[in-house]
């Protein structure tokens, strides 16, 4: 049956998120930040690529991803470097892609996985089980003979449904991962397509690093997928994704406010990121600062020492490593 609605409920929480996100995107666009600041757009794009690939065990740090895209030599596995270059290429094509076209979806997969796998740019020909990091099977993907029709039906539903695009794009993301149409690269392409759909609703989404927020909340992302699998519908996943989108917008608006106030010195931005991190973690380490701020170990050390000197952080030993806590409990 054509255009069969995927199973999900629109909860009050979802309605609240949609209203909040619509208001936030209005504020962001009013600041003209992303439309007038190519440096910030590129920084966000790099965070997006780093976040999406890191979820799939790519080992490059934000600093290394930046170096690769600036044409510098990086000591890392050729596969990880190729993933970064491929992902950047397809994100640069974002505005040209038709989100409802199966051909464009296959083209995107072909670029994302170019030189990295056999079945690149084609639907998989073999059955697949989706496993988590510990090797537990989360679910079995659709049998390969049904994949093309199901993907076409899903894209058709996304195109013709009257549900708000914020909700529709989340439903697509979940159902796409459930079908698992490719032998590899499903997560990367699913997140790319989610961003593409959102960018058709509002162009600012092409430059918002929602992927990096998912990376920060990776366990919640998997938990939301598992909870939706158990429930047989995507409601929990929609709620999680909308909360991640809301978080990325608040992050972007805070950056915009700091820039318009003319006080966007690096130190303030870095301290804000560290404070945000410490809201959800008991302590922070050098490696976390490197990741958050896209800096080297030495620079991360200097940042931490500066914050200790300013009485913003306390330092203590934890399992043979230095850990840092906020001085304000």
Protein backbone atom coordinates (compact mmCIF):
# COMPACT_ATOMS: atom_id res chain seq x y z
CA UNK A 1 0.00 0.00 0.00
CA UNK A 2 1.39 3.38 -0.98
CA UNK A 3 2.09 6.11 1.57
CA UNK A 4 1.38 3.89 4.57
CA UNK A 5 1.98 6.03 7.66
CA UNK A 6 4.87 4.75 9.80
CA UNK A 7 3.75 4.13 13.41
CA UNK A 8 4.28 7.04 15.87
CA UNK A 9 2.25 9.26 18.16
CA UNK A 10 2.38 13.05 18.39
CA UNK A 11 2.70 13.67 22.13
CA UNK A 12 2.35 16.96 24.00
CA UNK A 13 6.13 16.87 24.50
CA UNK A 14 6.63 16.68 20.71
CA UNK A 15 4.21 19.59 20.12
CA UNK A 16 6.08 21.67 22.73
CA UNK A 17 9.45 20.92 21.11
CA UNK A 18 8.16 21.86 17.64
CA UNK A 19 6.87 25.21 18.95
CA UNK A 20 10.13 25.91 20.82
CA UNK A 21 12.31 24.97 17.82
CA UNK A 22 10.23 27.18 15.49
CA UNK A 23 10.72 30.10 17.88
CA UNK A 24 14.46 29.42 18.27
CA UNK A 25 15.07 29.16 14.52
CA UNK A 26 13.27 32.52 14.14
CA UNK A 27 15.64 34.07 16.67
CA UNK A 28 18.67 32.52 14.98
CA UNK A 29 17.62 33.78 11.54
CA UNK A 30 16.88 37.24 12.96
CA UNK A 31 20.51 37.42 14.13
CA UNK A 32 21.65 36.71 10.51
CA UNK A 33 24.56 34.87 12.07
CA UNK A 34 24.81 31.80 9.85
CA UNK A 35 23.89 33.62 6.65
CA UNK A 36 26.62 36.25 7.07
CA UNK A 37 29.45 34.34 8.75
CA UNK A 38 31.27 31.88 6.44
CA UNK A 39 33.87 31.10 9.14
CA UNK A 40 31.21 29.96 11.59
CA UNK A 41 29.40 28.02 8.86
CA UNK A 42 32.59 26.15 8.02
CA UNK A 43 33.36 25.51 11.71
CA UNK A 44 29.84 24.10 12.17
CA UNK A 45 30.15 21.96 9.05
CA UNK A 46 33.41 20.51 10.38
CA UNK A 47 31.77 19.80 13.77
CA UNK A 48 28.90 18.09 11.92
CA UNK A 49 31.25 15.80 9.99
CA UNK A 50 33.39 15.05 13.04
CA UNK A 51 30.30 14.23 15.12
CA UNK A 52 28.65 12.01 12.54
CA UNK A 53 31.84 10.03 11.84
CA UNK A 54 32.88 9.77 15.51
CA UNK A 55 29.55 8.03 16.22
CA UNK A 56 30.73 5.37 13.75
CA UNK A 57 34.11 4.88 15.48
CA UNK A 58 36.15 7.19 13.25
CA UNK A 59 39.20 8.00 15.41
CA UNK A 60 40.04 11.51 14.12
CA UNK A 61 39.74 14.35 16.63
CA UNK A 62 38.02 17.61 15.71
CA UNK A 63 41.47 19.16 15.27
CA UNK A 64 42.55 16.37 12.88
CA UNK A 65 39.32 16.61 10.86
CA UNK A 66 39.96 20.36 10.51
CA UNK A 67 43.56 19.70 9.41
CA UNK A 68 42.47 17.12 6.79
CA UNK A 69 39.94 19.55 5.34
CA UNK A 70 42.59 22.29 5.27
CA UNK A 71 44.74 19.98 3.13
CA UNK A 72 47.30 19.20 5.85
CA UNK A 73 49.00 15.86 6.45
CA UNK A 74 47.49 13.91 9.35
CA UNK A 75 48.86 10.73 10.90
CA UNK A 76 45.80 8.49 10.89
CA UNK A 77 44.40 5.46 9.09
CA UNK A 78 43.75 6.08 5.36
CA UNK A 79 40.18 4.78 5.88
CA UNK A 80 39.42 7.41 8.56
CA UNK A 81 40.90 10.19 6.39
CA UNK A 82 38.90 9.00 3.34
CA UNK A 83 35.69 9.01 5.43
CA UNK A 84 36.28 12.67 6.35
CA UNK A 85 36.96 13.78 2.76
CA UNK A 86 33.97 11.84 1.40
CA UNK A 87 31.61 13.21 4.07
CA UNK A 88 32.77 16.79 3.47
CA UNK A 89 32.20 16.39 -0.28
CA UNK A 90 28.59 15.19 0.12
CA UNK A 91 27.72 17.84 2.74
CA UNK A 92 28.99 20.47 0.28
CA UNK A 93 26.45 19.08 -2.21
CA UNK A 94 23.59 19.35 0.29
CA UNK A 95 21.70 22.14 -1.49
CA UNK A 96 21.73 20.21 -4.79
CA UNK A 97 20.17 17.02 -3.37
CA UNK A 98 16.48 16.20 -3.72
CA UNK A 99 15.42 14.70 -0.36
CA UNK A 100 12.62 12.64 -1.99
CA UNK A 101 14.76 11.07 -4.72
CA UNK A 102 15.95 7.46 -4.40
CA UNK A 103 18.62 8.19 -7.04
CA UNK A 104 19.99 11.10 -4.99
CA UNK A 105 20.00 8.93 -1.86
CA UNK A 106 22.06 6.28 -3.68
CA UNK A 107 24.39 8.96 -5.10
CA UNK A 108 24.92 10.34 -1.58
CA UNK A 109 25.75 6.87 -0.25
CA UNK A 110 28.13 6.36 -3.17
CA UNK A 111 30.07 9.54 -2.32
CA UNK A 112 29.97 8.94 1.46
CA UNK A 113 31.40 5.40 1.10
CA UNK A 114 33.51 5.84 -2.04
CA UNK A 115 36.54 3.51 -1.99
CA UNK A 116 35.53 2.16 1.43
CA UNK A 117 33.19 -0.73 0.65
CA UNK A 118 32.06 -3.08 -2.11
CA UNK A 119 28.38 -2.17 -2.28
CA UNK A 120 28.88 1.60 -2.49
CA UNK A 121 25.97 3.57 -3.94
CA UNK A 122 23.67 0.53 -4.14
CA UNK A 123 21.18 -1.10 -1.80
CA UNK A 124 22.59 -4.11 0.02
CA UNK A 125 22.17 -7.58 -1.48
CA UNK A 126 22.58 -9.56 1.77
CA UNK A 127 20.65 -9.78 5.06
CA UNK A 128 22.09 -7.78 7.96
CA UNK A 129 21.80 -7.70 11.76
CA UNK A 130 22.30 -4.39 13.53
CA UNK A 131 24.61 -4.81 16.55
CA UNK A 132 25.62 -2.42 19.30
CA UNK A 133 29.21 -1.80 20.47
CA UNK A 134 29.10 -4.93 22.67
CA UNK A 135 27.98 -7.16 19.82
CA UNK A 136 24.34 -7.53 20.93
CA UNK A 137 21.93 -7.76 17.99
CA UNK A 138 19.58 -4.78 18.26
CA UNK A 139 17.39 -5.88 15.36
CA UNK A 140 17.57 -7.52 11.96
CA UNK A 141 17.32 -5.15 9.01
CA UNK A 142 14.69 -5.66 6.32
CA UNK A 143 15.36 -8.56 3.96
CA UNK A 144 17.30 -7.22 0.94
CA UNK A 145 14.60 -7.98 -1.65
CA UNK A 146 12.16 -5.62 0.13
CA UNK A 147 14.61 -2.75 0.69
CA UNK A 148 14.12 -0.72 -2.55
CA UNK A 149 10.31 -0.66 -2.27
CA UNK A 150 10.34 0.21 1.43
CA UNK A 151 12.80 3.08 0.92
CA UNK A 152 10.68 4.40 -1.97
CA UNK A 153 7.51 4.17 0.17
CA UNK A 154 9.24 5.97 3.05
CA UNK A 155 10.47 8.82 0.82
CA UNK A 156 6.98 9.03 -0.70
CA UNK A 157 5.41 9.31 2.74
CA UNK A 158 7.90 12.03 3.79
CA UNK A 159 7.12 13.95 0.61
CA UNK A 160 3.31 13.82 0.86
CA UNK A 161 2.61 13.73 4.61
CA UNK A 162 1.07 16.83 6.18
CA UNK A 163 2.80 16.27 9.53
CA UNK A 164 5.26 19.06 10.45
CA UNK A 165 8.66 18.59 8.77
CA UNK A 166 10.43 18.62 12.16
CA UNK A 167 8.48 15.47 13.09
CA UNK A 168 8.54 13.95 9.59
CA UNK A 169 12.34 14.20 9.35
CA UNK A 170 12.74 12.38 12.71
CA UNK A 171 10.34 9.63 11.59
CA UNK A 172 12.37 9.26 8.38
CA UNK A 173 15.63 9.00 10.37
CA UNK A 174 14.23 6.25 12.59
CA UNK A 175 12.51 4.23 9.82
CA UNK A 176 15.60 4.53 7.59
CA UNK A 177 17.80 2.99 10.31
CA UNK A 178 15.18 0.27 10.85
CA UNK A 179 15.20 -0.70 7.15
CA UNK A 180 19.01 -0.49 7.17
CA UNK A 181 19.14 -0.25 3.36
CA UNK A 182 22.93 -0.34 2.94
CA UNK A 183 25.63 -2.85 3.84
CA UNK A 184 27.42 -0.03 5.70
CA UNK A 185 27.06 3.75 6.13
CA UNK A 186 23.39 3.72 7.20
CA UNK A 187 23.97 5.94 10.25
CA UNK A 188 25.98 8.53 8.30
CA UNK A 189 23.50 8.69 5.41
CA UNK A 190 20.49 8.71 7.77
CA UNK A 191 21.87 11.70 9.67
CA UNK A 192 22.81 13.48 6.42
CA UNK A 193 19.28 12.96 5.07
CA UNK A 194 17.74 14.16 8.33
CA UNK A 195 19.77 17.39 8.00
CA UNK A 196 18.78 17.64 4.31
CA UNK A 197 15.06 17.35 5.10
CA UNK A 198 15.35 19.95 7.88
CA UNK A 199 17.25 22.30 5.55
CA UNK A 200 14.32 22.18 3.09
CA UNK A 201 12.06 23.39 5.92
CA UNK A 202 14.57 26.06 6.98
CA UNK A 203 17.93 26.62 5.23
CA UNK A 204 19.73 27.39 8.51
CA UNK A 205 19.69 23.65 9.30
CA UNK A 206 22.25 23.05 6.55
CA UNK A 207 24.77 24.74 8.87
CA UNK A 208 23.69 23.52 12.31
CA UNK A 209 25.81 20.73 13.78
CA UNK A 210 22.94 18.55 15.06
CA UNK A 211 25.25 15.55 14.47
CA UNK A 212 27.75 16.84 17.02
CA UNK A 213 24.96 17.10 19.64
CA UNK A 214 23.99 13.47 18.87
CA UNK A 215 27.65 12.53 19.30
CA UNK A 216 27.70 14.23 22.73
CA UNK A 217 24.57 12.25 23.66
CA UNK A 218 25.41 9.06 21.80
CA UNK A 219 24.18 6.61 24.45
CA UNK A 220 20.83 8.44 24.63
CA UNK A 221 20.62 8.21 20.81
CA UNK A 222 21.02 4.42 20.92
CA UNK A 223 18.70 4.13 23.93
CA UNK A 224 16.02 6.08 22.04
CA UNK A 225 16.38 3.80 19.00
CA UNK A 226 16.18 0.69 21.24
CA UNK A 227 13.16 2.02 23.15
CA UNK A 228 11.40 2.74 19.84
CA UNK A 229 12.29 -0.72 18.54
CA UNK A 230 10.76 -2.26 21.69
CA UNK A 231 7.63 -0.12 21.36
CA UNK A 232 7.29 -0.82 17.62
CA UNK A 233 6.95 2.92 16.88
CA UNK A 234 9.27 5.93 16.70
CA UNK A 235 7.69 8.25 19.34
CA UNK A 236 10.59 8.04 21.85
CA UNK A 237 13.14 8.60 19.08
CA UNK A 238 11.24 11.67 17.78
CA UNK A 239 11.26 13.19 21.27
CA UNK A 240 15.00 12.56 21.68
CA UNK A 241 15.91 14.01 18.26
CA UNK A 242 13.79 17.12 18.79
CA UNK A 243 15.52 17.68 22.14
CA UNK A 244 18.91 17.38 20.34
CA UNK A 245 17.80 19.85 17.64
CA UNK A 246 16.60 22.28 20.32
CA UNK A 247 19.97 21.97 22.11
CA UNK A 248 21.91 22.70 18.90
CA UNK A 249 19.80 25.82 18.28
CA UNK A 250 20.33 27.13 21.82
CA UNK A 251 24.07 26.53 21.37
CA UNK A 252 24.05 28.46 18.07
CA UNK A 253 22.06 31.37 19.56
CA UNK A 254 24.42 31.61 22.56
CA UNK A 255 27.37 31.78 20.15
CA UNK A 256 25.52 34.42 18.14
CA UNK A 257 24.81 36.53 21.26
CA UNK A 258 28.47 36.39 22.27
CA UNK A 259 29.57 37.41 18.79
CA UNK A 260 27.13 40.31 18.55
CA UNK A 261 28.24 41.53 21.99
CA UNK A 262 31.77 41.65 20.59
CA UNK A 263 33.03 39.55 23.45
CA UNK A 264 33.57 36.33 21.60
CA UNK A 265 37.11 35.87 22.81
CA UNK A 266 38.28 32.28 22.58
CA UNK A 267 38.70 31.93 26.34
CA UNK A 268 35.02 32.75 27.03
CA UNK A 269 33.75 30.37 24.36
CA UNK A 270 36.00 27.58 25.63
CA UNK A 271 34.98 28.11 29.25
CA UNK A 272 31.29 28.07 28.20
CA UNK A 273 31.80 24.73 26.44
CA UNK A 274 33.57 23.29 29.50
CA UNK A 275 30.81 24.55 31.81
CA UNK A 276 28.16 22.96 29.56
CA UNK A 277 30.07 19.67 29.64
CA UNK A 278 30.34 19.75 33.45
CA UNK A 279 26.56 20.10 33.76
CA UNK A 280 26.24 16.48 32.61
CA UNK A 281 29.60 15.03 33.77
CA UNK A 282 31.22 14.88 37.23
CA UNK A 283 34.62 15.95 35.93
CA UNK A 284 36.50 16.82 32.74
CA UNK A 285 39.88 15.57 31.49
CA UNK A 286 42.47 16.81 29.01
CA UNK A 287 41.08 14.48 26.29
CA UNK A 288 37.56 15.93 26.76
CA UNK A 289 38.86 19.51 26.40
CA UNK A 290 40.75 18.51 23.22
CA UNK A 291 37.52 17.09 21.80
CA UNK A 292 35.26 19.98 22.89
CA UNK A 293 37.52 22.81 21.78
CA UNK A 294 39.28 21.12 18.86
CA UNK A 295 42.74 21.75 20.30
CA UNK A 296 45.96 19.81 20.90
CA UNK A 297 46.82 18.14 24.23
CA UNK A 298 49.29 20.93 25.02
CA UNK A 299 46.70 23.66 24.34
CA UNK A 300 44.10 21.76 26.39
CA UNK A 301 46.59 21.70 29.25
CA UNK A 302 47.15 25.45 28.99
CA UNK A 303 43.38 26.08 29.00
CA UNK A 304 42.95 23.90 32.12
CA UNK A 305 45.87 25.54 33.96
CA UNK A 306 44.41 28.98 33.15
CA UNK A 307 41.03 27.95 34.58
CA UNK A 308 42.69 26.63 37.75
CA UNK A 309 44.58 29.93 38.12
CA UNK A 310 41.28 31.81 37.75
CA UNK A 311 39.72 29.61 40.46
CA UNK A 312 37.18 28.18 38.01
CA UNK A 313 38.41 24.57 38.23
CA UNK A 314 39.96 22.30 40.86
CA UNK A 315 42.43 19.57 39.90
CA UNK A 316 42.66 16.09 41.44
CA UNK A 317 43.98 12.60 40.71
CA UNK A 318 41.62 9.97 39.29
CA UNK A 319 42.87 6.48 38.32
CA UNK A 320 46.36 7.78 37.58
CA UNK A 321 45.12 10.72 35.47
CA UNK A 322 44.37 14.37 36.23
CA UNK A 323 40.69 15.24 36.39
CA UNK A 324 39.14 18.68 36.82
CA UNK A 325 35.98 19.76 38.64
CA UNK A 326 34.15 23.07 38.72
CA UNK A 327 34.85 25.12 41.86
CA UNK A 328 31.12 25.98 41.96
CA UNK A 329 29.02 23.05 43.10
